[in-house]
Structure formats: C-alpha cells, structure tokens
Amino acid sequence: MSPATRLKHRDYASPGLYFVTICSDFKRRVFGEVRGKGMQLSALGRIAQESWPGIPSHSTSVQLHESIVMPNHVHGIIGIVQARVVAQRAAPLQTKDRRWE
C-alpha cells in the first residue's frame, strides 16, 4: 500500500476488516483476461487464486472473506480477529559461556 493511501493515525494491525488490492507490476494483465461475463485465468491467475486460502496458515489471527482475481490485480477482504501479541520484555540470554556476563 502506498503511503498516500494510508490513514495517518490508523493502526492497520488492529482487529477489523480490511479491503486489500494487490496489483501486478506496472499494471500488466498477467492474471488473465475477461471473456464475456467471466474471467479466464492465466497460470499466474490460478496461482493467485489458489494461494489466497493459504494466507491463514501464515498468521492465525487472520480470517479470509471474499476475493476475486482480475486481469492486473487481486481484490480481497481480510479480517484481523486479534491484535498481534508482542513480548513485553526480553528474557535474558542463557549461555554456559561466562565471558558474556
């Protein structure tokens, strides 16, 4: 997302629904083409479509909603269901080498 389209005081890691658009490089039509009333996916378009359901395996705090592959971009709705958990303080390094104490 380009900085110009982000809200300055919005925490995009907080729970909520987010509409995302992922564009191809230089807006090239690499994902397929519209034919009649449907979308004919290219090999890259099929990869994009098949990869969408795998997103939650990378982050358990994400739920997927609708998505669609277009000729030069992908639209999707992602729900963040819980905020990221960040360590409050670091644990001391455990080492047997006493030179580091």
N, C-alpha and C. Protein backbone atom coordinates (compact mmCIF):
# COMPACT_ATOMS: atom_id res chain seq x y z
N MET A 1 0.85 -1.17 0.00
CA MET A 1 0.00 0.00 0.00
C MET A 1 0.89 1.23 0.00
N SER A 2 0.60 2.12 -0.86
CA SER A 2 1.42 3.32 -0.90
C SER A 2 1.10 4.20 0.30
N PRO A 3 2.09 4.90 0.81
CA PRO A 3 1.86 5.76 1.97
C PRO A 3 0.75 6.78 1.76
N ALA A 4 0.51 7.21 0.54
CA ALA A 4 -0.51 8.22 0.27
C ALA A 4 -1.93 7.70 0.55
N THR A 5 -2.15 6.39 0.50
CA THR A 5 -3.49 5.84 0.70
C THR A 5 -3.73 5.37 2.13
N ARG A 6 -2.77 5.49 2.99
CA ARG A 6 -2.93 5.09 4.39
C ARG A 6 -3.44 6.25 5.24
N LEU A 7 -4.29 5.94 6.19
CA LEU A 7 -4.72 6.94 7.16
C LEU A 7 -3.60 7.14 8.16
N LYS A 8 -3.28 8.38 8.47
CA LYS A 8 -2.11 8.69 9.30
C LYS A 8 -2.18 8.09 10.70
N HIS A 9 -3.35 8.07 11.31
CA HIS A 9 -3.45 7.64 12.70
C HIS A 9 -4.14 6.29 12.84
N ARG A 10 -4.18 5.50 11.80
CA ARG A 10 -4.82 4.18 11.83
C ARG A 10 -3.78 3.11 12.07
N ASP A 11 -4.06 2.23 13.04
CA ASP A 11 -3.19 1.09 13.32
C ASP A 11 -3.71 -0.09 12.49
N TYR A 12 -3.04 -0.39 11.40
CA TYR A 12 -3.50 -1.43 10.50
C TYR A 12 -3.25 -2.85 11.01
N ALA A 13 -2.71 -2.96 12.22
CA ALA A 13 -2.55 -4.27 12.84
C ALA A 13 -3.71 -4.56 13.80
N SER A 14 -4.59 -3.59 14.01
CA SER A 14 -5.69 -3.77 14.95
C SER A 14 -6.80 -4.59 14.31
N PRO A 15 -7.62 -5.26 15.13
CA PRO A 15 -8.71 -6.09 14.61
C PRO A 15 -9.68 -5.28 13.74
N GLY A 16 -10.19 -5.92 12.71
CA GLY A 16 -11.15 -5.30 11.82
C GLY A 16 -11.11 -5.95 10.45
N LEU A 17 -11.96 -5.47 9.57
CA LEU A 17 -11.99 -5.95 8.20
C LEU A 17 -11.23 -4.98 7.32
N TYR A 18 -10.41 -5.51 6.42
CA TYR A 18 -9.59 -4.69 5.55
C TYR A 18 -9.80 -5.12 4.10
N PHE A 19 -10.09 -4.16 3.24
CA PHE A 19 -10.20 -4.40 1.81
C PHE A 19 -8.82 -4.16 1.23
N VAL A 20 -8.25 -5.20 0.62
CA VAL A 20 -6.89 -5.08 0.08
C VAL A 20 -6.92 -5.25 -1.43
N THR A 21 -6.02 -4.56 -2.09
CA THR A 21 -5.83 -4.70 -3.52
C THR A 21 -4.35 -4.95 -3.76
N ILE A 22 -4.05 -6.01 -4.47
CA ILE A 22 -2.68 -6.35 -4.81
C ILE A 22 -2.55 -6.22 -6.32
N CYS A 23 -1.70 -5.30 -6.76
CA CYS A 23 -1.57 -5.00 -8.19
C CYS A 23 -0.33 -5.67 -8.79
N SER A 24 -0.44 -6.02 -10.05
CA SER A 24 0.72 -6.56 -10.76
C SER A 24 1.69 -5.42 -11.07
N ASP A 25 2.90 -5.78 -11.35
CA ASP A 25 3.94 -4.82 -11.69
C ASP A 25 3.55 -4.05 -12.95
N PHE A 26 3.59 -2.73 -12.87
CA PHE A 26 3.25 -1.85 -13.99
C PHE A 26 1.83 -2.10 -14.52
N LYS A 27 0.97 -2.68 -13.67
CA LYS A 27 -0.43 -2.97 -14.02
C LYS A 27 -0.57 -3.83 -15.26
N ARG A 28 0.39 -4.71 -15.46
CA ARG A 28 0.34 -5.64 -16.60
C ARG A 28 -0.78 -6.66 -16.36
N ARG A 29 -1.41 -7.08 -17.41
CA ARG A 29 -2.50 -8.06 -17.31
C ARG A 29 -1.93 -9.47 -17.29
N VAL A 30 -1.36 -9.84 -16.16
CA VAL A 30 -0.69 -11.13 -16.05
C VAL A 30 -1.56 -12.22 -15.44
N PHE A 31 -2.70 -11.84 -14.85
CA PHE A 31 -3.54 -12.83 -14.16
C PHE A 31 -4.63 -13.42 -15.05
N GLY A 32 -4.77 -12.91 -16.25
CA GLY A 32 -5.78 -13.44 -17.16
C GLY A 32 -6.49 -12.34 -17.90
N GLU A 33 -7.65 -12.68 -18.45
CA GLU A 33 -8.43 -11.68 -19.19
C GLU A 33 -9.91 -11.95 -19.02
N VAL A 34 -10.70 -10.89 -19.16
CA VAL A 34 -12.15 -11.01 -19.07
C VAL A 34 -12.65 -11.49 -20.42
N ARG A 35 -13.46 -12.53 -20.39
CA ARG A 35 -14.06 -13.08 -21.62
C ARG A 35 -15.56 -13.22 -21.36
N GLY A 36 -16.34 -12.45 -22.10
CA GLY A 36 -17.78 -12.46 -21.87
C GLY A 36 -18.07 -11.90 -20.49
N LYS A 37 -18.76 -12.69 -19.68
CA LYS A 37 -19.08 -12.26 -18.31
C LYS A 37 -18.20 -12.94 -17.28
N GLY A 38 -17.14 -13.59 -17.71
CA GLY A 38 -16.28 -14.31 -16.79
C GLY A 38 -14.82 -13.95 -16.94
N MET A 39 -14.04 -14.47 -16.04
CA MET A 39 -12.60 -14.23 -16.02
C MET A 39 -11.90 -15.52 -16.44
N GLN A 40 -11.06 -15.44 -17.47
CA GLN A 40 -10.24 -16.56 -17.90
C GLN A 40 -8.88 -16.38 -17.27
N LEU A 41 -8.56 -17.19 -16.26
CA LEU A 41 -7.31 -17.05 -15.52
C LEU A 41 -6.13 -17.62 -16.30
N SER A 42 -5.00 -16.93 -16.20
CA SER A 42 -3.73 -17.44 -16.73
C SER A 42 -3.14 -18.34 -15.64
N ALA A 43 -1.96 -18.89 -15.91
CA ALA A 43 -1.28 -19.71 -14.90
C ALA A 43 -1.02 -18.88 -13.63
N LEU A 44 -0.57 -17.62 -13.80
CA LEU A 44 -0.34 -16.76 -12.64
C LEU A 44 -1.64 -16.43 -11.91
N GLY A 45 -2.72 -16.27 -12.67
CA GLY A 45 -4.02 -16.01 -12.07
C GLY A 45 -4.49 -17.19 -11.23
N ARG A 46 -4.25 -18.41 -11.71
CA ARG A 46 -4.61 -19.60 -10.94
C ARG A 46 -3.77 -19.70 -9.67
N ILE A 47 -2.50 -19.34 -9.76
CA ILE A 47 -1.64 -19.35 -8.57
C ILE A 47 -2.15 -18.34 -7.55
N ALA A 48 -2.52 -17.14 -8.01
CA ALA A 48 -3.05 -16.13 -7.10
C ALA A 48 -4.33 -16.62 -6.43
N GLN A 49 -5.22 -17.19 -7.21
CA GLN A 49 -6.49 -17.68 -6.68
C GLN A 49 -6.28 -18.84 -5.69
N GLU A 50 -5.38 -19.74 -6.02
CA GLU A 50 -5.13 -20.91 -5.17
C GLU A 50 -4.32 -20.55 -3.92
N SER A 51 -3.58 -19.45 -3.96
CA SER A 51 -2.76 -19.04 -2.82
C SER A 51 -3.57 -18.32 -1.75
N TRP A 52 -4.65 -17.66 -2.13
CA TRP A 52 -5.46 -16.89 -1.18
C TRP A 52 -5.88 -17.72 0.05
N PRO A 53 -6.41 -18.93 -0.10
CA PRO A 53 -6.84 -19.69 1.08
C PRO A 53 -5.69 -20.07 2.02
N GLY A 54 -4.45 -20.00 1.56
CA GLY A 54 -3.31 -20.37 2.40
C GLY A 54 -2.84 -19.26 3.33
N ILE A 55 -3.35 -18.06 3.17
CA ILE A 55 -2.89 -16.93 3.99
C ILE A 55 -3.03 -17.21 5.50
N PRO A 56 -4.14 -17.77 5.98
CA PRO A 56 -4.24 -18.00 7.43
C PRO A 56 -3.20 -18.98 7.99
N SER A 57 -2.57 -19.78 7.15
CA SER A 57 -1.53 -20.68 7.66
C SER A 57 -0.27 -19.90 8.03
N HIS A 58 -0.17 -18.65 7.58
CA HIS A 58 0.96 -17.79 7.92
C HIS A 58 0.67 -16.90 9.12
N SER A 59 -0.60 -16.72 9.44
CA SER A 59 -1.00 -15.89 10.57
C SER A 59 -2.33 -16.39 11.11
N THR A 60 -2.33 -16.88 12.35
CA THR A 60 -3.54 -17.44 12.93
C THR A 60 -4.56 -16.38 13.32
N SER A 61 -4.17 -15.11 13.31
CA SER A 61 -5.09 -14.04 13.69
C SER A 61 -5.85 -13.47 12.49
N VAL A 62 -5.82 -14.18 11.36
CA VAL A 62 -6.43 -13.69 10.13
C VAL A 62 -7.56 -14.62 9.69
N GLN A 63 -8.67 -14.02 9.28
CA GLN A 63 -9.76 -14.76 8.65
C GLN A 63 -9.97 -14.17 7.27
N LEU A 64 -10.19 -15.04 6.29
CA LEU A 64 -10.39 -14.57 4.92
C LEU A 64 -11.87 -14.48 4.60
N HIS A 65 -12.19 -13.51 3.77
CA HIS A 65 -13.54 -13.34 3.26
C HIS A 65 -13.45 -13.41 1.74
N GLU A 66 -14.28 -12.73 1.04
CA GLU A 66 -14.33 -12.81 -0.41
C GLU A 66 -13.03 -12.32 -1.06
N SER A 67 -12.76 -12.87 -2.24
CA SER A 67 -11.63 -12.41 -3.05
C SER A 67 -11.98 -12.61 -4.51
N ILE A 68 -11.31 -11.86 -5.36
CA ILE A 68 -11.52 -12.01 -6.80
C ILE A 68 -10.23 -11.64 -7.52
N VAL A 69 -9.90 -12.42 -8.53
CA VAL A 69 -8.72 -12.15 -9.34
C VAL A 69 -9.18 -11.44 -10.61
N MET A 70 -8.57 -10.32 -10.89
CA MET A 70 -8.86 -9.52 -12.07
C MET A 70 -7.62 -9.57 -12.99
N PRO A 71 -7.71 -9.05 -14.21
CA PRO A 71 -6.57 -9.17 -15.13
C PRO A 71 -5.24 -8.63 -14.59
N ASN A 72 -5.26 -7.51 -13.86
CA ASN A 72 -4.00 -6.94 -13.39
C ASN A 72 -3.96 -6.69 -11.88
N HIS A 73 -4.92 -7.24 -11.14
CA HIS A 73 -4.91 -7.08 -9.69
C HIS A 73 -5.80 -8.12 -9.03
N VAL A 74 -5.65 -8.22 -7.71
CA VAL A 74 -6.47 -9.11 -6.91
C VAL A 74 -7.10 -8.28 -5.81
N HIS A 75 -8.41 -8.45 -5.61
CA HIS A 75 -9.11 -7.80 -4.50
C HIS A 75 -9.42 -8.87 -3.46
N GLY A 76 -9.39 -8.49 -2.21
CA GLY A 76 -9.79 -9.41 -1.15
C GLY A 76 -10.14 -8.67 0.12
N ILE A 77 -10.91 -9.35 0.96
CA ILE A 77 -11.25 -8.82 2.27
C ILE A 77 -10.63 -9.74 3.30
N ILE A 78 -9.80 -9.15 4.15
CA ILE A 78 -9.11 -9.89 5.21
C ILE A 78 -9.59 -9.36 6.55
N GLY A 79 -9.93 -10.27 7.44
CA GLY A 79 -10.32 -9.87 8.79
C GLY A 79 -9.21 -10.20 9.77
N ILE A 80 -8.79 -9.21 10.54
CA ILE A 80 -7.85 -9.46 11.63
C ILE A 80 -8.71 -9.63 12.87
N VAL A 81 -8.63 -10.81 13.48
CA VAL A 81 -9.52 -11.13 14.59
C VAL A 81 -8.91 -10.88 15.96
N GLN A 82 -7.62 -10.71 16.03
CA GLN A 82 -6.97 -10.36 17.29
C GLN A 82 -5.71 -9.58 16.99
N ALA A 83 -5.37 -8.69 17.90
CA ALA A 83 -4.16 -7.88 17.72
C ALA A 83 -2.93 -8.76 17.87
N ARG A 84 -1.85 -8.33 17.25
CA ARG A 84 -0.59 -9.06 17.39
C ARG A 84 -0.14 -9.03 18.84
N VAL A 85 0.41 -10.13 19.28
CA VAL A 85 0.96 -10.21 20.63
C VAL A 85 2.45 -9.91 20.54
N VAL A 86 2.88 -8.92 21.28
CA VAL A 86 4.28 -8.51 21.26
C VAL A 86 4.85 -8.74 22.66
N ALA A 87 6.07 -9.27 22.74
CA ALA A 87 6.70 -9.52 24.03
C ALA A 87 6.83 -8.21 24.81
N GLN A 88 6.53 -8.27 26.09
CA GLN A 88 6.62 -7.08 26.93
C GLN A 88 8.06 -6.77 27.31
N ARG A 89 8.85 -7.81 27.54
CA ARG A 89 10.27 -7.62 27.85
C ARG A 89 11.02 -8.86 27.42
N ALA A 90 12.25 -8.68 27.09
CA ALA A 90 13.07 -9.79 26.60
C ALA A 90 13.60 -10.61 27.77
N ALA A 91 13.69 -11.92 27.58
CA ALA A 91 14.28 -12.79 28.58
C ALA A 91 15.79 -12.74 28.45
N PRO A 92 16.52 -12.91 29.55
CA PRO A 92 17.98 -12.89 29.45
C PRO A 92 18.49 -14.07 28.64
N LEU A 93 19.58 -13.85 27.95
CA LEU A 93 20.21 -14.89 27.15
C LEU A 93 20.80 -15.94 28.07
N GLN A 94 20.48 -17.19 27.82
CA GLN A 94 21.01 -18.30 28.61
C GLN A 94 22.24 -18.86 27.90
N THR A 95 23.38 -18.81 28.58
CA THR A 95 24.60 -19.33 27.97
C THR A 95 25.50 -19.91 29.05
N LYS A 96 26.27 -20.91 28.67
CA LYS A 96 27.23 -21.50 29.60
C LYS A 96 28.58 -20.79 29.52
N ASP A 97 28.74 -19.98 28.50
CA ASP A 97 29.99 -19.25 28.31
C ASP A 97 29.97 -18.02 29.19
N ARG A 98 30.77 -17.98 30.25
CA ARG A 98 30.76 -16.90 31.24
C ARG A 98 31.43 -15.62 30.74
N ARG A 99 32.06 -15.66 29.58
CA ARG A 99 32.70 -14.45 29.05
C ARG A 99 31.68 -13.36 28.76
N TRP A 100 30.43 -13.70 28.57
CA TRP A 100 29.41 -12.74 28.16
C TRP A 100 28.66 -12.14 29.34
N GLU A 101 29.01 -12.48 30.56
CA GLU A 101 28.31 -11.93 31.74
C GLU A 101 28.96 -10.66 32.22
